[in-house]
Amino acid sequence: AADARLFEGLVVAVDLSGDNKTVEEELKVDVAKLGGVIADLGDPASPSFDARLKEVTHMVVLDLERDLVKRAKQVKGCKAVAVTEWWIDRCIEKRELVPTDSEVVFSPPRTSAGVSSEMSGLVVCVTGYSGLRRHIMRELVCRTGARYSGTLNRSCTHLVCYRYDGDKYQTARKWQGAYSAPSIVNHRWVEDCLRTWTYLSEPIYEDKCGEEVDKEPVIPLHELVKLEVEDSEEAEDAVMSEEEEEAVFVVRKRHLLAVSIVPFLFGLAAWLLAKVNLARA
């Protein structure tokens, strides 16, 4: 059993409003059983609400648009950290307080609407992830706003691979050759889209599989921004190169037209001259 004093010293406010009331109640019971205090904040309009909120150490919420999170930012001296229920579960599993920023799934998404309208049009399948890891991948994919698919089909825009092998991977490779889709990436692409709250381009996540990047440190946010800018510039250069090639093609086409029409014009002039001379004779 987990340490009965695991959450001792923590004051936890839980707001999983909506269809998660059962999960919310179970979470409160777990925290209290392991030494934590469940915050009784009362009516938000009460004068004592802000004072009680200042005592909170952690807020378990679905996303950062919750009124509780917004209120905490307005209360001077409030240092409550927003987390998801995944953090509570992982602490119980590990029997220790794990860092709240050690896994992307511990941080609530900015909104429940997803990263962008562009990502909402994506369909993401995963392969090679099993058990809890697979559940987490599904959770993260849904947070981006993309649709999770348990099976690989032609509607899938992305395949997230833990290893670059297996039936799904081989099928995706064949489809890439025929249809240029889906993109084959590792799980850091999904995680970094959430960390930056941006639809990041895929190339830097294609070379290595999930198993390989698991052995590497997470890329710092400022480095991600730099890489994304560089990738965008390369893409722009590629577009410019295509435009330049088109311009060259047009010039060459005009040149070939000019070269081919000159003999024709000379021939036509000679024929007309001969016809004029014949008429004079």
C-alpha atoms as a PDB file:
ATOM      1  CA  ALA A   1       0.000   0.000   0.000  1.00  0.00           C
ATOM      2  CA  ALA A   2       1.077   3.566  -0.623  1.00  0.00           C
ATOM      3  CA  ASP A   3       2.505   5.572   2.267  1.00  0.00           C
ATOM      4  CA  ALA A   4      -0.423   6.731   4.431  1.00  0.00           C
ATOM      5  CA  ARG A   5       1.245  10.135   4.774  1.00  0.00           C
ATOM      6  CA  LEU A   6       2.060  10.556   1.090  1.00  0.00           C
ATOM      7  CA  PHE A   7       0.067  13.765   0.643  1.00  0.00           C
ATOM      8  CA  GLU A   8       0.685  15.147   4.141  1.00  0.00           C
ATOM      9  CA  GLY A   9       1.105  18.908   4.048  1.00  0.00           C
ATOM     10  CA  LEU A  10      -0.803  19.304   0.800  1.00  0.00           C
ATOM     11  CA  VAL A  11      -4.065  21.198   0.489  1.00  0.00           C
ATOM     12  CA  VAL A  12      -5.800  20.082  -2.669  1.00  0.00           C
ATOM     13  CA  ALA A  13      -8.702  21.742  -4.466  1.00  0.00           C
ATOM     14  CA  VAL A  14     -10.467  19.503  -6.976  1.00  0.00           C
ATOM     15  CA  ASP A  15     -12.598  20.803  -9.853  1.00  0.00           C
ATOM     16  CA  LEU A  16     -13.446  18.135 -12.420  1.00  0.00           C
ATOM     17  CA  SER A  17     -16.881  19.548 -13.101  1.00  0.00           C
ATOM     18  CA  GLY A  18     -19.018  18.096 -15.847  1.00  0.00           C
ATOM     19  CA  ASP A  19     -19.195  14.379 -16.395  1.00  0.00           C
ATOM     20  CA  ASN A  20     -16.356  13.658 -13.965  1.00  0.00           C
ATOM     21  CA  LYS A  21     -18.123  13.971 -10.595  1.00  0.00           C
ATOM     22  CA  THR A  22     -17.547  10.300  -9.763  1.00  0.00           C
ATOM     23  CA  VAL A  23     -13.834  10.604 -10.570  1.00  0.00           C
ATOM     24  CA  GLU A  24     -13.704  13.821  -8.541  1.00  0.00           C
ATOM     25  CA  GLU A  25     -15.178  12.182  -5.452  1.00  0.00           C
ATOM     26  CA  GLU A  26     -12.873   9.169  -5.742  1.00  0.00           C
ATOM     27  CA  LEU A  27      -9.892  11.476  -6.091  1.00  0.00           C
ATOM     28  CA  LYS A  28     -10.820  13.391  -2.956  1.00  0.00           C
ATOM     29  CA  VAL A  29     -11.111  10.145  -1.006  1.00  0.00           C
ATOM     30  CA  ASP A  30      -7.685   8.964  -2.214  1.00  0.00           C
ATOM     31  CA  VAL A  31      -5.979  12.245  -1.303  1.00  0.00           C
ATOM     32  CA  ALA A  32      -7.595  12.369   2.153  1.00  0.00           C
ATOM     33  CA  LYS A  33      -6.744   8.717   2.907  1.00  0.00           C
ATOM     34  CA  LEU A  34      -3.084   9.473   2.182  1.00  0.00           C
ATOM     35  CA  GLY A  35      -2.769  12.456   4.488  1.00  0.00           C
ATOM     36  CA  GLY A  36      -3.834  15.307   2.220  1.00  0.00           C
ATOM     37  CA  VAL A  37      -6.423  17.969   3.032  1.00  0.00           C
ATOM     38  CA  ILE A  38      -9.264  18.605   0.600  1.00  0.00           C
ATOM     39  CA  ALA A  39      -9.849  22.342   0.383  1.00  0.00           C
ATOM     40  CA  ASP A  40     -13.333  23.512   1.330  1.00  0.00           C
ATOM     41  CA  LEU A  41     -13.352  26.844  -0.494  1.00  0.00           C
ATOM     42  CA  GLY A  42     -17.063  27.560  -0.168  1.00  0.00           C
ATOM     43  CA  ASP A  43     -18.881  30.174  -2.192  1.00  0.00           C
ATOM     44  CA  PRO A  44     -16.603  32.122  -4.591  1.00  0.00           C
ATOM     45  CA  ALA A  45     -18.520  35.265  -3.636  1.00  0.00           C
ATOM     46  CA  SER A  46     -17.641  34.815   0.039  1.00  0.00           C
ATOM     47  CA  PRO A  47     -15.062  37.237   1.511  1.00  0.00           C
ATOM     48  CA  SER A  48     -13.146  34.264   2.911  1.00  0.00           C
ATOM     49  CA  PHE A  49     -12.815  32.487  -0.439  1.00  0.00           C
ATOM     50  CA  ASP A  50      -9.546  34.145  -1.466  1.00  0.00           C
ATOM     51  CA  ALA A  51      -8.005  33.595   1.963  1.00  0.00           C
ATOM     52  CA  ARG A  52      -8.793  29.892   1.754  1.00  0.00           C
ATOM     53  CA  LEU A  53      -7.505  29.733  -1.811  1.00  0.00           C
ATOM     54  CA  LYS A  54      -4.139  31.073  -0.653  1.00  0.00           C
ATOM     55  CA  GLU A  55      -3.730  27.951   1.466  1.00  0.00           C
ATOM     56  CA  VAL A  56      -4.188  25.605  -1.510  1.00  0.00           C
ATOM     57  CA  THR A  57      -1.017  23.910  -2.784  1.00  0.00           C
ATOM     58  CA  HIS A  58      -2.487  22.018  -5.749  1.00  0.00           C
ATOM     59  CA  MET A  59      -5.527  22.431  -7.988  1.00  0.00           C
ATOM     60  CA  VAL A  60      -6.690  19.327  -9.840  1.00  0.00           C
ATOM     61  CA  VAL A  61      -8.497  20.590 -12.943  1.00  0.00           C
ATOM     62  CA  LEU A  62      -9.380  19.533 -16.486  1.00  0.00           C
ATOM     63  CA  ASP A  63      -7.891  22.618 -18.156  1.00  0.00           C
ATOM     64  CA  LEU A  64      -6.538  26.075 -17.395  1.00  0.00           C
ATOM     65  CA  GLU A  65      -9.772  27.820 -18.372  1.00  0.00           C
ATOM     66  CA  ARG A  66     -11.434  26.758 -15.123  1.00  0.00           C
ATOM     67  CA  ASP A  67     -12.698  29.590 -12.928  1.00  0.00           C
ATOM     68  CA  LEU A  68     -10.669  28.190 -10.039  1.00  0.00           C
ATOM     69  CA  VAL A  69      -7.412  28.600 -11.961  1.00  0.00           C
ATOM     70  CA  LYS A  70      -8.300  32.096 -13.134  1.00  0.00           C
ATOM     71  CA  ARG A  71      -9.208  33.116  -9.595  1.00  0.00           C
ATOM     72  CA  ALA A  72      -5.965  31.704  -8.191  1.00  0.00           C
ATOM     73  CA  LYS A  73      -3.959  33.874 -10.613  1.00  0.00           C
ATOM     74  CA  GLN A  74      -5.748  36.949  -9.297  1.00  0.00           C
ATOM     75  CA  VAL A  75      -5.157  36.179  -5.624  1.00  0.00           C
ATOM     76  CA  LYS A  76      -1.944  37.756  -4.419  1.00  0.00           C
ATOM     77  CA  GLY A  77       0.292  35.242  -2.680  1.00  0.00           C
ATOM     78  CA  CYS A  78      -1.504  32.194  -4.042  1.00  0.00           C
ATOM     79  CA  LYS A  79       1.056  29.607  -5.180  1.00  0.00           C
ATOM     80  CA  ALA A  80      -1.300  26.761  -6.034  1.00  0.00           C
ATOM     81  CA  VAL A  81      -0.031  24.545  -8.859  1.00  0.00           C
ATOM     82  CA  ALA A  82      -2.529  23.341 -11.453  1.00  0.00           C
ATOM     83  CA  VAL A  83      -2.280  19.596 -12.167  1.00  0.00           C
ATOM     84  CA  THR A  84      -4.383  16.835 -13.683  1.00  0.00           C
ATOM     85  CA  GLU A  85      -5.662  13.724 -11.932  1.00  0.00           C
ATOM     86  CA  TRP A  86      -2.827  11.887 -13.683  1.00  0.00           C
ATOM     87  CA  TRP A  87      -0.369  13.500 -11.262  1.00  0.00           C
ATOM     88  CA  ILE A  88      -2.274  12.227  -8.225  1.00  0.00           C
ATOM     89  CA  ASP A  89      -2.416   8.732  -9.713  1.00  0.00           C
ATOM     90  CA  ARG A  90       1.292   8.707 -10.553  1.00  0.00           C
ATOM     91  CA  CYS A  91       2.247   9.846  -7.033  1.00  0.00           C
ATOM     92  CA  ILE A  92       0.203   6.974  -5.583  1.00  0.00           C
ATOM     93  CA  GLU A  93       1.753   4.530  -8.047  1.00  0.00           C
ATOM     94  CA  LYS A  94       5.322   5.685  -7.298  1.00  0.00           C
ATOM     95  CA  ARG A  95       4.617   6.143  -3.558  1.00  0.00           C
ATOM     96  CA  GLU A  96       6.271   9.549  -3.702  1.00  0.00           C
ATOM     97  CA  LEU A  97       5.523  13.102  -4.756  1.00  0.00           C
ATOM     98  CA  VAL A  98       6.792  13.214  -8.320  1.00  0.00           C
ATOM     99  CA  PRO A  99       7.628  16.616  -9.892  1.00  0.00           C
ATOM    100  CA  THR A 100       4.520  18.170 -11.407  1.00  0.00           C
ATOM    101  CA  ASP A 101       6.423  19.050 -14.587  1.00  0.00           C
ATOM    102  CA  SER A 102       8.084  15.655 -15.095  1.00  0.00           C
ATOM    103  CA  GLU A 103       5.425  14.439 -17.535  1.00  0.00           C
ATOM    104  CA  VAL A 104       3.331  16.400 -20.017  1.00  0.00           C
ATOM    105  CA  VAL A 105       0.193  14.545 -18.955  1.00  0.00           C
ATOM    106  CA  PHE A 106       0.447  16.107 -15.475  1.00  0.00           C
ATOM    107  CA  SER A 107      -0.076  19.634 -16.857  1.00  0.00           C
ATOM    108  CA  PRO A 108      -3.644  20.671 -17.705  1.00  0.00           C
ATOM    109  CA  PRO A 109      -4.157  21.828 -21.308  1.00  0.00           C
ATOM    110  CA  ARG A 110      -4.789  25.527 -21.871  1.00  0.00           C
ATOM    111  CA  THR A 111      -8.303  24.827 -23.113  1.00  0.00           C
ATOM    112  CA  SER A 112     -10.517  21.834 -23.751  1.00  0.00           C
ATOM    113  CA  ALA A 113     -10.926  22.930 -27.379  1.00  0.00           C
ATOM    114  CA  GLY A 114      -7.503  21.743 -28.514  1.00  0.00           C
ATOM    115  CA  VAL A 115      -4.396  23.480 -29.828  1.00  0.00           C
ATOM    116  CA  SER A 116      -5.813  24.836 -33.092  1.00  0.00           C
ATOM    117  CA  SER A 117      -8.416  24.298 -35.787  1.00  0.00           C
ATOM    118  CA  GLU A 118      -5.628  22.861 -37.937  1.00  0.00           C
ATOM    119  CA  MET A 119      -4.936  20.104 -35.410  1.00  0.00           C
ATOM    120  CA  SER A 120      -8.637  19.336 -35.029  1.00  0.00           C
ATOM    121  CA  GLY A 121      -8.543  18.050 -38.586  1.00  0.00           C
ATOM    122  CA  LEU A 122      -5.887  15.438 -37.802  1.00  0.00           C
ATOM    123  CA  VAL A 123      -6.441  11.740 -37.145  1.00  0.00           C
ATOM    124  CA  VAL A 124      -3.678  10.119 -35.088  1.00  0.00           C
ATOM    125  CA  CYS A 125      -2.973   6.421 -34.589  1.00  0.00           C
ATOM    126  CA  VAL A 126      -0.293   4.993 -32.276  1.00  0.00           C
ATOM    127  CA  THR A 127       1.649   1.746 -32.327  1.00  0.00           C
ATOM    128  CA  GLY A 128       4.078   0.050 -29.960  1.00  0.00           C
ATOM    129  CA  TYR A 129       2.694   1.706 -26.813  1.00  0.00           C
ATOM    130  CA  SER A 130       0.919  -0.598 -24.386  1.00  0.00           C
ATOM    131  CA  GLY A 131      -0.836  -0.520 -21.036  1.00  0.00           C
ATOM    132  CA  LEU A 132      -0.851   2.793 -19.192  1.00  0.00           C
ATOM    133  CA  ARG A 133       1.468   4.347 -21.766  1.00  0.00           C
ATOM    134  CA  ARG A 134      -1.109   3.755 -24.484  1.00  0.00           C
ATOM    135  CA  HIS A 135      -3.854   5.336 -22.368  1.00  0.00           C
ATOM    136  CA  ILE A 136      -1.637   8.371 -21.814  1.00  0.00           C
ATOM    137  CA  MET A 137      -0.939   8.682 -25.545  1.00  0.00           C
ATOM    138  CA  ARG A 138      -4.657   8.609 -26.253  1.00  0.00           C
ATOM    139  CA  GLU A 139      -5.232  11.291 -23.625  1.00  0.00           C
ATOM    140  CA  LEU A 140      -2.510  13.543 -25.057  1.00  0.00           C
ATOM    141  CA  VAL A 141      -3.690  13.141 -28.644  1.00  0.00           C
ATOM    142  CA  CYS A 142      -7.222  14.140 -27.620  1.00  0.00           C
ATOM    143  CA  ARG A 143      -5.905  17.164 -25.737  1.00  0.00           C
ATOM    144  CA  THR A 144      -4.354  18.517 -28.934  1.00  0.00           C
ATOM    145  CA  GLY A 145      -7.786  18.500 -30.526  1.00  0.00           C
ATOM    146  CA  ALA A 146      -6.888  15.717 -32.964  1.00  0.00           C
ATOM    147  CA  ARG A 147      -8.994  12.568 -33.235  1.00  0.00           C
ATOM    148  CA  TYR A 148      -7.504   9.363 -31.865  1.00  0.00           C
ATOM    149  CA  SER A 149      -7.856   6.227 -33.977  1.00  0.00           C
ATOM    150  CA  GLY A 150      -7.236   2.792 -32.510  1.00  0.00           C
ATOM    151  CA  THR A 151      -6.764   1.354 -35.982  1.00  0.00           C
ATOM    152  CA  LEU A 152      -4.589   2.540 -38.858  1.00  0.00           C
ATOM    153  CA  ASN A 153      -6.722   3.443 -41.850  1.00  0.00           C
ATOM    154  CA  ARG A 154      -6.525   5.789 -44.837  1.00  0.00           C
ATOM    155  CA  SER A 155      -8.094   8.641 -42.849  1.00  0.00           C
ATOM    156  CA  CYS A 156      -5.106   8.692 -40.461  1.00  0.00           C
ATOM    157  CA  THR A 157      -2.823  11.689 -40.947  1.00  0.00           C
ATOM    158  CA  HIS A 158      -0.206  10.574 -38.390  1.00  0.00           C
ATOM    159  CA  LEU A 159       1.202   7.358 -36.991  1.00  0.00           C
ATOM    160  CA  VAL A 160       3.068   7.696 -33.681  1.00  0.00           C
ATOM    161  CA  CYS A 161       5.581   4.844 -33.368  1.00  0.00           C
ATOM    162  CA  TYR A 162       7.436   3.546 -30.352  1.00  0.00           C
ATOM    163  CA  ARG A 163       9.527   1.400 -32.675  1.00  0.00           C
ATOM    164  CA  TYR A 164       9.963   1.605 -36.407  1.00  0.00           C
ATOM    165  CA  ASP A 165       8.734  -1.906 -37.074  1.00  0.00           C
ATOM    166  CA  GLY A 166       5.510  -3.900 -37.065  1.00  0.00           C
ATOM    167  CA  ASP A 167       2.494  -4.157 -39.357  1.00  0.00           C
ATOM    168  CA  LYS A 168       1.172  -0.627 -38.821  1.00  0.00           C
ATOM    169  CA  TYR A 169       4.595   0.899 -39.482  1.00  0.00           C
ATOM    170  CA  GLN A 170       5.143  -1.150 -42.651  1.00  0.00           C
ATOM    171  CA  THR A 171       1.657  -0.286 -43.918  1.00  0.00           C
ATOM    172  CA  ALA A 172       2.189   3.406 -43.204  1.00  0.00           C
ATOM    173  CA  ARG A 173       5.495   3.314 -45.118  1.00  0.00           C
ATOM    174  CA  LYS A 174       3.742   1.833 -48.146  1.00  0.00           C
ATOM    175  CA  TRP A 175       1.035   4.484 -47.982  1.00  0.00           C
ATOM    176  CA  GLN A 176       3.653   7.203 -47.718  1.00  0.00           C
ATOM    177  CA  GLY A 177       5.144   6.057 -50.998  1.00  0.00           C
ATOM    178  CA  ALA A 178       1.777   5.999 -52.712  1.00  0.00           C
ATOM    179  CA  TYR A 179      -0.087   8.876 -51.038  1.00  0.00           C
ATOM    180  CA  SER A 180       2.588  10.854 -49.083  1.00  0.00           C
ATOM    181  CA  ALA A 181       0.658  10.121 -45.870  1.00  0.00           C
ATOM    182  CA  PRO A 182       0.504   9.461 -42.972  1.00  0.00           C
ATOM    183  CA  SER A 183       3.365  11.270 -41.264  1.00  0.00           C
ATOM    184  CA  ILE A 184       5.372   8.827 -39.135  1.00  0.00           C
ATOM    185  CA  VAL A 185       6.590  10.445 -35.905  1.00  0.00           C
ATOM    186  CA  ASN A 186       7.554   9.670 -32.313  1.00  0.00           C
ATOM    187  CA  HIS A 187       5.512  10.659 -29.241  1.00  0.00           C
ATOM    188  CA  ARG A 188       7.570  13.791 -28.594  1.00  0.00           C
ATOM    189  CA  TRP A 189       5.695  15.447 -31.455  1.00  0.00           C
ATOM    190  CA  VAL A 190       2.387  15.118 -29.579  1.00  0.00           C
ATOM    191  CA  GLU A 191       3.957  16.147 -26.262  1.00  0.00           C
ATOM    192  CA  ASP A 192       5.774  19.161 -27.708  1.00  0.00           C
ATOM    193  CA  CYS A 193       2.654  20.380 -29.515  1.00  0.00           C
ATOM    194  CA  LEU A 194       1.030  20.492 -26.075  1.00  0.00           C
ATOM    195  CA  ARG A 195       4.059  22.021 -24.326  1.00  0.00           C
ATOM    196  CA  THR A 196       4.221  24.863 -26.866  1.00  0.00           C
ATOM    197  CA  TRP A 197       0.480  24.841 -27.573  1.00  0.00           C
ATOM    198  CA  THR A 198       1.363  24.996 -31.272  1.00  0.00           C
ATOM    199  CA  TYR A 199       0.994  22.678 -34.245  1.00  0.00           C
ATOM    200  CA  LEU A 200       4.688  21.897 -34.701  1.00  0.00           C
ATOM    201  CA  SER A 201       6.047  20.677 -38.028  1.00  0.00           C
ATOM    202  CA  GLU A 202       6.878  16.981 -38.127  1.00  0.00           C
ATOM    203  CA  PRO A 203      10.407  16.606 -39.644  1.00  0.00           C
ATOM    204  CA  ILE A 204      12.443  16.743 -36.413  1.00  0.00           C
ATOM    205  CA  TYR A 205      10.235  13.975 -34.959  1.00  0.00           C
ATOM    206  CA  GLU A 206      10.570  11.587 -37.891  1.00  0.00           C
ATOM    207  CA  ASP A 207      14.194  10.422 -37.716  1.00  0.00           C
ATOM    208  CA  LYS A 208      13.968   8.644 -34.347  1.00  0.00           C
ATOM    209  CA  CYS A 209      11.319   6.345 -32.948  1.00  0.00           C
ATOM    210  CA  GLY A 210       9.767   6.663 -29.485  1.00  0.00           C
ATOM    211  CA  GLU A 211      12.122   4.123 -27.950  1.00  0.00           C
ATOM    212  CA  GLU A 212      15.124   6.179 -29.061  1.00  0.00           C
ATOM    213  CA  VAL A 213      13.847   9.566 -27.841  1.00  0.00           C
ATOM    214  CA  ASP A 214      12.886   8.042 -24.477  1.00  0.00           C
ATOM    215  CA  LYS A 215      16.635   7.796 -23.839  1.00  0.00           C
ATOM    216  CA  GLU A 216      17.194  11.476 -24.641  1.00  0.00           C
ATOM    217  CA  PRO A 217      16.417  14.582 -22.572  1.00  0.00           C
ATOM    218  CA  VAL A 218      13.363  16.658 -23.388  1.00  0.00           C
ATOM    219  CA  ILE A 219      14.131  19.548 -25.738  1.00  0.00           C
ATOM    220  CA  PRO A 220      13.877  22.887 -23.831  1.00  0.00           C
ATOM    221  CA  LEU A 221      11.064  25.155 -24.978  1.00  0.00           C
ATOM    222  CA  HIS A 222      13.399  27.875 -26.293  1.00  0.00           C
ATOM    223  CA  GLU A 223      15.191  25.261 -28.393  1.00  0.00           C
ATOM    224  CA  LEU A 224      11.871  24.028 -29.767  1.00  0.00           C
ATOM    225  CA  VAL A 225      10.967  27.544 -30.862  1.00  0.00           C
ATOM    226  CA  LYS A 226      14.369  27.915 -32.554  1.00  0.00           C
ATOM    227  CA  LEU A 227      14.009  24.584 -34.367  1.00  0.00           C
ATOM    228  CA  GLU A 228      10.500  25.461 -35.504  1.00  0.00           C
ATOM    229  CA  VAL A 229      11.658  28.817 -36.897  1.00  0.00           C
ATOM    230  CA  GLU A 230      14.535  27.148 -38.741  1.00  0.00           C
ATOM    231  CA  ASP A 231      12.204  24.508 -40.152  1.00  0.00           C
ATOM    232  CA  SER A 232       9.774  27.208 -41.316  1.00  0.00           C
ATOM    233  CA  GLU A 233      12.602  29.105 -43.018  1.00  0.00           C
ATOM    234  CA  GLU A 234      13.738  25.945 -44.795  1.00  0.00           C
ATOM    235  CA  ALA A 235      10.186  25.354 -45.962  1.00  0.00           C
ATOM    236  CA  GLU A 236      10.013  28.928 -47.290  1.00  0.00           C
ATOM    237  CA  ASP A 237      13.327  28.453 -49.083  1.00  0.00           C
ATOM    238  CA  ALA A 238      11.963  25.271 -50.644  1.00  0.00           C
ATOM    239  CA  VAL A 239       8.901  27.153 -51.866  1.00  0.00           C
ATOM    240  CA  MET A 240      11.117  29.916 -53.279  1.00  0.00           C
ATOM    241  CA  SER A 241      13.230  27.328 -55.053  1.00  0.00           C
ATOM    242  CA  GLU A 242      10.120  25.851 -56.654  1.00  0.00           C
ATOM    243  CA  GLU A 243       9.033  29.307 -57.762  1.00  0.00           C
ATOM    244  CA  GLU A 244      12.466  30.009 -59.169  1.00  0.00           C
ATOM    245  CA  GLU A 245      12.422  26.693 -61.022  1.00  0.00           C
ATOM    246  CA  GLU A 246       9.048  27.610 -62.490  1.00  0.00           C
ATOM    247  CA  ALA A 247      10.415  30.973 -63.602  1.00  0.00           C
ATOM    248  CA  VAL A 248      13.416  29.293 -65.234  1.00  0.00           C
ATOM    249  CA  PHE A 249      11.087  26.830 -66.943  1.00  0.00           C
ATOM    250  CA  VAL A 250       9.024  29.692 -68.384  1.00  0.00           C
ATOM    251  CA  VAL A 251      12.155  31.486 -69.641  1.00  0.00           C
ATOM    252  CA  ARG A 252      13.462  28.287 -71.232  1.00  0.00           C
ATOM    253  CA  LYS A 253      10.074  27.639 -72.789  1.00  0.00           C
ATOM    254  CA  ARG A 254      10.036  31.110 -74.315  1.00  0.00           C
ATOM    255  CA  HIS A 255      13.608  30.646 -75.529  1.00  0.00           C
ATOM    256  CA  LEU A 256      12.763  27.311 -77.162  1.00  0.00           C
ATOM    257  CA  LEU A 257       9.706  28.905 -78.795  1.00  0.00           C
ATOM    258  CA  ALA A 258      11.862  31.721 -80.149  1.00  0.00           C
ATOM    259  CA  VAL A 259      14.487  29.311 -81.455  1.00  0.00           C
ATOM    260  CA  SER A 260      11.901  27.116 -83.138  1.00  0.00           C
ATOM    261  CA  ILE A 261       9.973  29.978 -84.760  1.00  0.00           C
ATOM    262  CA  VAL A 262      12.969  31.768 -86.291  1.00  0.00           C
ATOM    263  CA  PRO A 263      13.588  29.165 -89.056  1.00  0.00           C
ATOM    264  CA  PHE A 264       9.878  29.193 -89.794  1.00  0.00           C
ATOM    265  CA  LEU A 265       9.866  32.998 -90.223  1.00  0.00           C
ATOM    266  CA  PHE A 266      12.927  32.870 -92.494  1.00  0.00           C
ATOM    267  CA  GLY A 267      11.248  30.199 -94.599  1.00  0.00           C
ATOM    268  CA  LEU A 268       8.036  32.189 -94.804  1.00  0.00           C
ATOM    269  CA  ALA A 269       9.932  35.336 -95.874  1.00  0.00           C
ATOM    270  CA  ALA A 270      11.815  33.434 -98.586  1.00  0.00           C
ATOM    271  CA  TRP A 271       8.553  31.961 -99.908  1.00  0.00           C
ATOM    272  CA  LEU A 272       6.857  35.386-100.029  1.00  0.00           C
ATOM    273  CA  LEU A 273       9.890  36.939-101.760  1.00  0.00           C
ATOM    274  CA  ALA A 274       9.913  34.192-104.345  1.00  0.00           C
ATOM    275  CA  LYS A 275       6.188  34.666-104.959  1.00  0.00           C
ATOM    276  CA  VAL A 276       6.652  38.435-105.427  1.00  0.00           C
ATOM    277  CA  ASN A 277       9.513  37.944-107.912  1.00  0.00           C
ATOM    278  CA  LEU A 278       7.411  35.407-109.818  1.00  0.00           C
ATOM    279  CA  ALA A 279       4.535  37.881-110.070  1.00  0.00           C
ATOM    280  CA  ARG A 280       6.859  40.625-111.434  1.00  0.00           C
ATOM    281  CA  ALA A 281       8.214  38.267-114.033  1.00  0.00           C
END
